[in-house]
């Protein structure tokens, strides 16, 4: 129970990597605050059998709306009075050539993948400083090579990478660890959508499992405080994808 008596906030907790990180932390004793748009998904993210439900709280919200993020920060302070870990796992993908991508779509990518993590971090940073906590960014292996028609998505992930790196330089002195995780293609609902957009078959066995990414991230979070792993690059063993 490495995370007993700690409070973790996970965005995108209704599915995919975010859900698996929430489950892993919960199994290790953490109180998990699940953030996402779909309340039904949030309610089913953590197994309802075996006890421990008192350590689960769902916060349905749209992280692109400033007022909802600020209100969430106040609610969290009232509910728990502390935050030990913030995991940014919510994300949005778009596929299309630069010559045709709509500005509304680009704006939504920016708001979801970069602006929202910045604001949520700002709101929770005072609590994280008090606990000498951790901030984890679930980024993407796309930052290593921008491919055709993935450019808008990749640009926002590059921005998230820059945010994480500069943030680390600012908050390390306060005892806060900042970890960026760069998964390769992972078997998630988003990956299913990506394959359809690319005109490819979605075969989950070819991809990383979301729980593999989650377990690696949570293991790193549990390392002694004398060490900080700044980046985790994980990719599928199958090189056919």
C-alpha atoms as a PDB file:
ATOM      1  CA  UNK A   1       0.000   0.000   0.000  1.00  0.00           C
ATOM      2  CA  UNK A   2       2.641   2.486  -1.148  1.00  0.00           C
ATOM      3  CA  UNK A   3       0.143   5.315  -1.601  1.00  0.00           C
ATOM      4  CA  UNK A   4      -1.953   4.860   1.516  1.00  0.00           C
ATOM      5  CA  UNK A   5      -3.298   8.154   2.913  1.00  0.00           C
ATOM      6  CA  UNK A   6      -2.450  10.009  -0.308  1.00  0.00           C
ATOM      7  CA  UNK A   7      -4.879  11.819  -2.620  1.00  0.00           C
ATOM      8  CA  UNK A   8      -4.448  11.505  -6.391  1.00  0.00           C
ATOM      9  CA  UNK A   9      -6.283  13.473  -9.089  1.00  0.00           C
ATOM     10  CA  UNK A  10      -6.544  11.738 -12.461  1.00  0.00           C
ATOM     11  CA  UNK A  11      -8.008  13.395 -15.564  1.00  0.00           C
ATOM     12  CA  UNK A  12      -9.329  11.214 -18.366  1.00  0.00           C
ATOM     13  CA  UNK A  13     -10.093   8.626 -15.697  1.00  0.00           C
ATOM     14  CA  UNK A  14     -13.123   7.164 -17.436  1.00  0.00           C
ATOM     15  CA  UNK A  15     -11.174   4.981 -19.879  1.00  0.00           C
ATOM     16  CA  UNK A  16      -7.802   4.002 -21.256  1.00  0.00           C
ATOM     17  CA  UNK A  17      -4.538   4.840 -19.513  1.00  0.00           C
ATOM     18  CA  UNK A  18      -6.175   7.284 -17.097  1.00  0.00           C
ATOM     19  CA  UNK A  19      -8.555   4.628 -15.822  1.00  0.00           C
ATOM     20  CA  UNK A  20      -5.765   2.072 -15.406  1.00  0.00           C
ATOM     21  CA  UNK A  21      -3.595   4.552 -13.478  1.00  0.00           C
ATOM     22  CA  UNK A  22      -6.544   5.305 -11.202  1.00  0.00           C
ATOM     23  CA  UNK A  23      -7.067   1.596 -10.587  1.00  0.00           C
ATOM     24  CA  UNK A  24      -3.378   0.979  -9.909  1.00  0.00           C
ATOM     25  CA  UNK A  25      -3.143   3.842  -7.421  1.00  0.00           C
ATOM     26  CA  UNK A  26      -6.386   2.786  -5.741  1.00  0.00           C
ATOM     27  CA  UNK A  27      -5.088  -0.769  -5.326  1.00  0.00           C
ATOM     28  CA  UNK A  28      -2.015   0.741  -3.661  1.00  0.00           C
ATOM     29  CA  UNK A  29      -4.155   2.530  -1.080  1.00  0.00           C
ATOM     30  CA  UNK A  30      -4.596   5.984  -2.607  1.00  0.00           C
ATOM     31  CA  UNK A  31      -7.774   8.001  -2.533  1.00  0.00           C
ATOM     32  CA  UNK A  32      -8.511   8.625  -6.207  1.00  0.00           C
ATOM     33  CA  UNK A  33     -10.346  11.660  -7.542  1.00  0.00           C
ATOM     34  CA  UNK A  34     -11.641  10.722 -10.970  1.00  0.00           C
ATOM     35  CA  UNK A  35     -12.084  13.547 -13.472  1.00  0.00           C
ATOM     36  CA  UNK A  36     -13.860  13.196 -16.813  1.00  0.00           C
ATOM     37  CA  UNK A  37     -16.870  14.273 -18.808  1.00  0.00           C
ATOM     38  CA  UNK A  38     -18.851  11.017 -18.571  1.00  0.00           C
ATOM     39  CA  UNK A  39     -20.118  10.350 -15.036  1.00  0.00           C
ATOM     40  CA  UNK A  40     -21.260   6.837 -15.950  1.00  0.00           C
ATOM     41  CA  UNK A  41     -17.751   5.888 -17.055  1.00  0.00           C
ATOM     42  CA  UNK A  42     -16.228   7.434 -13.950  1.00  0.00           C
ATOM     43  CA  UNK A  43     -18.575   5.479 -11.692  1.00  0.00           C
ATOM     44  CA  UNK A  44     -17.501   2.190 -13.283  1.00  0.00           C
ATOM     45  CA  UNK A  45     -13.769   2.960 -13.474  1.00  0.00           C
ATOM     46  CA  UNK A  46     -12.983   1.378 -10.095  1.00  0.00           C
ATOM     47  CA  UNK A  47     -14.226  -2.138  -9.239  1.00  0.00           C
ATOM     48  CA  UNK A  48     -17.254  -1.962  -6.947  1.00  0.00           C
ATOM     49  CA  UNK A  49     -16.424  -5.181  -5.104  1.00  0.00           C
ATOM     50  CA  UNK A  50     -13.893  -5.858  -2.378  1.00  0.00           C
ATOM     51  CA  UNK A  51     -14.244  -2.619  -0.413  1.00  0.00           C
ATOM     52  CA  UNK A  52     -12.325   0.618  -0.685  1.00  0.00           C
ATOM     53  CA  UNK A  53     -15.166   2.597  -2.265  1.00  0.00           C
ATOM     54  CA  UNK A  54     -14.739   5.280   0.378  1.00  0.00           C
ATOM     55  CA  UNK A  55     -11.451   6.093  -1.385  1.00  0.00           C
ATOM     56  CA  UNK A  56     -13.154   6.905  -4.708  1.00  0.00           C
ATOM     57  CA  UNK A  57     -14.698  10.229  -5.685  1.00  0.00           C
ATOM     58  CA  UNK A  58     -16.032  11.176  -9.115  1.00  0.00           C
ATOM     59  CA  UNK A  59     -15.837  14.734 -10.434  1.00  0.00           C
ATOM     60  CA  UNK A  60     -17.613  15.037 -13.805  1.00  0.00           C
ATOM     61  CA  UNK A  61     -16.452  18.151 -15.616  1.00  0.00           C
ATOM     62  CA  UNK A  62     -15.217  19.625 -18.879  1.00  0.00           C
ATOM     63  CA  UNK A  63     -11.570  20.526 -18.312  1.00  0.00           C
ATOM     64  CA  UNK A  64     -11.678  23.046 -21.184  1.00  0.00           C
ATOM     65  CA  UNK A  65     -14.051  25.255 -19.171  1.00  0.00           C
ATOM     66  CA  UNK A  66     -12.119  27.504 -16.799  1.00  0.00           C
ATOM     67  CA  UNK A  67     -14.962  27.979 -14.344  1.00  0.00           C
ATOM     68  CA  UNK A  68     -15.393  24.217 -13.924  1.00  0.00           C
ATOM     69  CA  UNK A  69     -11.673  23.692 -13.287  1.00  0.00           C
ATOM     70  CA  UNK A  70     -11.552  26.482 -10.706  1.00  0.00           C
ATOM     71  CA  UNK A  71     -14.695  25.195  -8.995  1.00  0.00           C
ATOM     72  CA  UNK A  72     -13.183  21.706  -8.934  1.00  0.00           C
ATOM     73  CA  UNK A  73     -10.099  23.017  -7.143  1.00  0.00           C
ATOM     74  CA  UNK A  74     -12.276  24.566  -4.442  1.00  0.00           C
ATOM     75  CA  UNK A  75     -14.323  21.372  -4.073  1.00  0.00           C
ATOM     76  CA  UNK A  76     -11.184  19.292  -3.756  1.00  0.00           C
ATOM     77  CA  UNK A  77      -9.866  21.550  -1.002  1.00  0.00           C
ATOM     78  CA  UNK A  78     -13.173  21.242   0.864  1.00  0.00           C
ATOM     79  CA  UNK A  79     -13.355  17.473   0.383  1.00  0.00           C
ATOM     80  CA  UNK A  80      -9.766  16.489   1.211  1.00  0.00           C
ATOM     81  CA  UNK A  81      -7.632  19.530   1.962  1.00  0.00           C
ATOM     82  CA  UNK A  82      -4.645  18.024   0.165  1.00  0.00           C
ATOM     83  CA  UNK A  83      -3.351  16.721  -3.173  1.00  0.00           C
ATOM     84  CA  UNK A  84      -0.376  14.361  -3.421  1.00  0.00           C
ATOM     85  CA  UNK A  85      -0.430  13.512  -7.129  1.00  0.00           C
ATOM     86  CA  UNK A  86      -1.855  15.077 -10.263  1.00  0.00           C
ATOM     87  CA  UNK A  87      -2.023  12.870 -13.342  1.00  0.00           C
ATOM     88  CA  UNK A  88      -2.851  14.575 -16.644  1.00  0.00           C
ATOM     89  CA  UNK A  89      -4.233  11.785 -18.825  1.00  0.00           C
ATOM     90  CA  UNK A  90      -7.113  13.469 -20.649  1.00  0.00           C
ATOM     91  CA  UNK A  91      -6.387  14.094 -24.300  1.00  0.00           C
ATOM     92  CA  UNK A  92      -7.932  14.726 -27.686  1.00  0.00           C
ATOM     93  CA  UNK A  93      -6.803  13.537 -31.128  1.00  0.00           C
ATOM     94  CA  UNK A  94      -7.450  15.009 -34.563  1.00  0.00           C
ATOM     95  CA  UNK A  95      -6.430  13.746 -37.988  1.00  0.00           C
ATOM     96  CA  UNK A  96      -6.145  15.912 -41.046  1.00  0.00           C
ATOM     97  CA  UNK A  97      -3.852  17.876 -43.318  1.00  0.00           C
ATOM     98  CA  UNK A  98      -2.744  21.359 -42.321  1.00  0.00           C
ATOM     99  CA  UNK A  99      -4.297  22.832 -45.438  1.00  0.00           C
ATOM    100  CA  UNK A 100      -7.770  21.778 -44.339  1.00  0.00           C
ATOM    101  CA  UNK A 101      -7.890  21.576 -40.549  1.00  0.00           C
ATOM    102  CA  UNK A 102     -10.569  23.840 -39.103  1.00  0.00           C
ATOM    103  CA  UNK A 103      -9.445  26.479 -36.632  1.00  0.00           C
ATOM    104  CA  UNK A 104     -12.224  25.447 -34.243  1.00  0.00           C
ATOM    105  CA  UNK A 105     -10.782  21.940 -34.206  1.00  0.00           C
ATOM    106  CA  UNK A 106      -7.271  23.262 -33.626  1.00  0.00           C
ATOM    107  CA  UNK A 107      -8.522  25.467 -30.798  1.00  0.00           C
ATOM    108  CA  UNK A 108     -10.202  22.494 -29.109  1.00  0.00           C
ATOM    109  CA  UNK A 109      -7.015  20.422 -29.395  1.00  0.00           C
ATOM    110  CA  UNK A 110      -5.044  23.239 -27.796  1.00  0.00           C
ATOM    111  CA  UNK A 111      -7.585  23.746 -25.015  1.00  0.00           C
ATOM    112  CA  UNK A 112      -7.757  20.047 -24.170  1.00  0.00           C
ATOM    113  CA  UNK A 113      -4.147  18.936 -24.599  1.00  0.00           C
ATOM    114  CA  UNK A 114      -2.269  21.992 -23.324  1.00  0.00           C
ATOM    115  CA  UNK A 115      -4.302  24.848 -21.897  1.00  0.00           C
ATOM    116  CA  UNK A 116      -6.397  22.678 -19.559  1.00  0.00           C
ATOM    117  CA  UNK A 117      -3.349  20.962 -17.996  1.00  0.00           C
ATOM    118  CA  UNK A 118      -1.747  24.367 -17.440  1.00  0.00           C
ATOM    119  CA  UNK A 119      -4.804  25.774 -15.659  1.00  0.00           C
ATOM    120  CA  UNK A 120      -5.449  22.659 -13.586  1.00  0.00           C
ATOM    121  CA  UNK A 121      -1.805  22.604 -12.525  1.00  0.00           C
ATOM    122  CA  UNK A 122      -2.005  26.257 -11.510  1.00  0.00           C
ATOM    123  CA  UNK A 123      -5.130  25.596  -9.446  1.00  0.00           C
ATOM    124  CA  UNK A 124      -3.661  22.591  -7.606  1.00  0.00           C
ATOM    125  CA  UNK A 125      -0.028  23.712  -7.332  1.00  0.00           C
ATOM    126  CA  UNK A 126      -0.361  25.263  -3.843  1.00  0.00           C
ATOM    127  CA  UNK A 127      -1.675  21.953  -2.480  1.00  0.00           C
ATOM    128  CA  UNK A 128       0.995  19.977  -4.328  1.00  0.00           C
ATOM    129  CA  UNK A 129       3.710  22.189  -2.851  1.00  0.00           C
ATOM    130  CA  UNK A 130       2.406  21.559   0.661  1.00  0.00           C
ATOM    131  CA  UNK A 131       2.521  17.791   0.141  1.00  0.00           C
ATOM    132  CA  UNK A 132       5.743  17.818  -1.909  1.00  0.00           C
ATOM    133  CA  UNK A 133       3.710  15.915  -4.456  1.00  0.00           C
ATOM    134  CA  UNK A 134       4.048  14.635  -8.007  1.00  0.00           C
ATOM    135  CA  UNK A 135       2.755  15.714 -11.418  1.00  0.00           C
ATOM    136  CA  UNK A 136       2.548  13.137 -14.191  1.00  0.00           C
ATOM    137  CA  UNK A 137       1.919  14.012 -17.834  1.00  0.00           C
ATOM    138  CA  UNK A 138       0.683  11.260 -20.137  1.00  0.00           C
ATOM    139  CA  UNK A 139       2.103  12.580 -23.378  1.00  0.00           C
ATOM    140  CA  UNK A 140       2.667  10.625 -26.625  1.00  0.00           C
ATOM    141  CA  UNK A 141       5.444   9.051 -28.647  1.00  0.00           C
ATOM    142  CA  UNK A 142       4.210  11.350 -31.432  1.00  0.00           C
ATOM    143  CA  UNK A 143       6.523  14.062 -30.074  1.00  0.00           C
ATOM    144  CA  UNK A 144       9.484  12.092 -31.460  1.00  0.00           C
ATOM    145  CA  UNK A 145       8.328  12.299 -35.090  1.00  0.00           C
ATOM    146  CA  UNK A 146       5.582  14.449 -36.560  1.00  0.00           C
ATOM    147  CA  UNK A 147       3.798  12.491 -39.249  1.00  0.00           C
ATOM    148  CA  UNK A 148       1.581  13.701 -42.056  1.00  0.00           C
ATOM    149  CA  UNK A 149      -1.966  14.537 -40.908  1.00  0.00           C
ATOM    150  CA  UNK A 150      -1.014  14.161 -37.217  1.00  0.00           C
ATOM    151  CA  UNK A 151       0.593  17.592 -37.102  1.00  0.00           C
ATOM    152  CA  UNK A 152      -2.037  19.495 -35.144  1.00  0.00           C
ATOM    153  CA  UNK A 153      -2.209  16.830 -32.456  1.00  0.00           C
ATOM    154  CA  UNK A 154       1.586  16.511 -32.321  1.00  0.00           C
ATOM    155  CA  UNK A 155       2.023  20.273 -32.018  1.00  0.00           C
ATOM    156  CA  UNK A 156      -0.107  20.358 -28.870  1.00  0.00           C
ATOM    157  CA  UNK A 157       1.831  17.414 -27.431  1.00  0.00           C
ATOM    158  CA  UNK A 158       5.100  19.241 -28.106  1.00  0.00           C
ATOM    159  CA  UNK A 159       3.621  22.142 -26.183  1.00  0.00           C
ATOM    160  CA  UNK A 160       2.738  19.825 -23.306  1.00  0.00           C
ATOM    161  CA  UNK A 161       6.305  18.513 -23.352  1.00  0.00           C
ATOM    162  CA  UNK A 162       7.702  22.056 -23.096  1.00  0.00           C
ATOM    163  CA  UNK A 163       5.298  22.858 -20.278  1.00  0.00           C
ATOM    164  CA  UNK A 164       6.344  19.780 -18.299  1.00  0.00           C
ATOM    165  CA  UNK A 165      10.059  20.426 -18.764  1.00  0.00           C
ATOM    166  CA  UNK A 166       9.923  24.078 -17.750  1.00  0.00           C
ATOM    167  CA  UNK A 167       7.550  23.328 -14.876  1.00  0.00           C
ATOM    168  CA  UNK A 168      10.026  20.783 -13.526  1.00  0.00           C
ATOM    169  CA  UNK A 169      12.727  23.446 -13.417  1.00  0.00           C
ATOM    170  CA  UNK A 170      10.397  25.705 -11.451  1.00  0.00           C
ATOM    171  CA  UNK A 171       8.987  23.269  -8.889  1.00  0.00           C
ATOM    172  CA  UNK A 172      11.786  20.800  -8.166  1.00  0.00           C
ATOM    173  CA  UNK A 173      13.064  23.138  -5.451  1.00  0.00           C
ATOM    174  CA  UNK A 174       9.668  22.798  -3.747  1.00  0.00           C
ATOM    175  CA  UNK A 175      10.112  19.026  -3.672  1.00  0.00           C
ATOM    176  CA  UNK A 176       7.686  18.300  -6.508  1.00  0.00           C
ATOM    177  CA  UNK A 177       8.575  15.589  -9.012  1.00  0.00           C
ATOM    178  CA  UNK A 178       7.456  15.979 -12.632  1.00  0.00           C
ATOM    179  CA  UNK A 179       7.285  12.887 -14.851  1.00  0.00           C
ATOM    180  CA  UNK A 180       6.416  12.760 -18.550  1.00  0.00           C
ATOM    181  CA  UNK A 181       5.260   9.429 -19.977  1.00  0.00           C
ATOM    182  CA  UNK A 182       5.455   8.860 -23.739  1.00  0.00           C
ATOM    183  CA  UNK A 183       3.496   5.734 -24.649  1.00  0.00           C
ATOM    184  CA  UNK A 184       3.608   4.274 -28.110  1.00  0.00           C
ATOM    185  CA  UNK A 185       0.393   3.048 -29.636  1.00  0.00           C
ATOM    186  CA  UNK A 186      -1.795   1.704 -26.847  1.00  0.00           C
ATOM    187  CA  UNK A 187      -4.986  -0.351 -27.011  1.00  0.00           C
ATOM    188  CA  UNK A 188      -7.513   2.281 -25.941  1.00  0.00           C
ATOM    189  CA  UNK A 189     -10.788   3.695 -27.315  1.00  0.00           C
ATOM    190  CA  UNK A 190      -8.779   6.624 -28.692  1.00  0.00           C
ATOM    191  CA  UNK A 191      -6.459   4.261 -30.564  1.00  0.00           C
ATOM    192  CA  UNK A 192      -9.464   2.509 -32.058  1.00  0.00           C
ATOM    193  CA  UNK A 193     -10.637   5.881 -33.372  1.00  0.00           C
ATOM    194  CA  UNK A 194      -7.156   6.724 -34.680  1.00  0.00           C
ATOM    195  CA  UNK A 195      -6.980   3.480 -36.657  1.00  0.00           C
ATOM    196  CA  UNK A 196     -10.358   4.171 -38.227  1.00  0.00           C
ATOM    197  CA  UNK A 197      -9.275   7.671 -39.240  1.00  0.00           C
ATOM    198  CA  UNK A 198      -6.112   6.228 -40.784  1.00  0.00           C
ATOM    199  CA  UNK A 199      -8.078   3.543 -42.617  1.00  0.00           C
ATOM    200  CA  UNK A 200      -6.348   0.730 -40.703  1.00  0.00           C
ATOM    201  CA  UNK A 201      -7.657  -2.283 -38.812  1.00  0.00           C
ATOM    202  CA  UNK A 202      -7.689  -1.946 -35.038  1.00  0.00           C
ATOM    203  CA  UNK A 203      -6.096  -5.102 -33.625  1.00  0.00           C
ATOM    204  CA  UNK A 204      -5.605  -4.603 -29.859  1.00  0.00           C
ATOM    205  CA  UNK A 205      -3.063  -7.422 -29.607  1.00  0.00           C
ATOM    206  CA  UNK A 206      -0.622  -5.379 -31.694  1.00  0.00           C
ATOM    207  CA  UNK A 207      -0.549  -2.512 -29.220  1.00  0.00           C
ATOM    208  CA  UNK A 208       0.589  -1.787 -25.695  1.00  0.00           C
ATOM    209  CA  UNK A 209      -1.930  -2.538 -22.970  1.00  0.00           C
ATOM    210  CA  UNK A 210      -3.142   0.454 -21.014  1.00  0.00           C
ATOM    211  CA  UNK A 211      -2.417  -1.342 -17.747  1.00  0.00           C
ATOM    212  CA  UNK A 212       1.209  -1.844 -18.816  1.00  0.00           C
ATOM    213  CA  UNK A 213       1.651   1.878 -19.229  1.00  0.00           C
ATOM    214  CA  UNK A 214      -0.167   2.525 -15.960  1.00  0.00           C
ATOM    215  CA  UNK A 215       1.851   0.014 -13.954  1.00  0.00           C
ATOM    216  CA  UNK A 216       5.122   1.484 -15.242  1.00  0.00           C
ATOM    217  CA  UNK A 217       4.058   5.026 -14.393  1.00  0.00           C
ATOM    218  CA  UNK A 218       2.825   4.097 -10.920  1.00  0.00           C
ATOM    219  CA  UNK A 219       5.982   2.102 -10.186  1.00  0.00           C
ATOM    220  CA  UNK A 220       7.998   5.209 -11.038  1.00  0.00           C
ATOM    221  CA  UNK A 221       5.810   7.346  -8.794  1.00  0.00           C
ATOM    222  CA  UNK A 222       6.588   4.978  -5.932  1.00  0.00           C
ATOM    223  CA  UNK A 223      10.350   5.322  -6.198  1.00  0.00           C
ATOM    224  CA  UNK A 224      12.274   6.767  -3.216  1.00  0.00           C
ATOM    225  CA  UNK A 225      12.137  10.529  -3.040  1.00  0.00           C
ATOM    226  CA  UNK A 226      15.896  10.720  -3.550  1.00  0.00           C
ATOM    227  CA  UNK A 227      15.335   9.989  -7.262  1.00  0.00           C
ATOM    228  CA  UNK A 228      13.313  11.490 -10.084  1.00  0.00           C
ATOM    229  CA  UNK A 229      12.645   9.789 -13.391  1.00  0.00           C
ATOM    230  CA  UNK A 230      11.877  12.654 -15.745  1.00  0.00           C
ATOM    231  CA  UNK A 231      10.832  10.720 -18.858  1.00  0.00           C
ATOM    232  CA  UNK A 232       9.395   7.286 -19.613  1.00  0.00           C
ATOM    233  CA  UNK A 233       9.315   6.083 -23.224  1.00  0.00           C
ATOM    234  CA  UNK A 234       7.274   2.923 -23.726  1.00  0.00           C
ATOM    235  CA  UNK A 235       6.465   1.283 -27.057  1.00  0.00           C
ATOM    236  CA  UNK A 236       4.898  -1.946 -28.303  1.00  0.00           C
ATOM    237  CA  UNK A 237       7.204  -4.874 -28.937  1.00  0.00           C
ATOM    238  CA  UNK A 238       5.546  -5.422 -32.310  1.00  0.00           C
ATOM    239  CA  UNK A 239       7.301  -3.213 -34.846  1.00  0.00           C
ATOM    240  CA  UNK A 240       4.678  -3.773 -37.521  1.00  0.00           C
ATOM    241  CA  UNK A 241       2.763  -0.762 -36.206  1.00  0.00           C
END
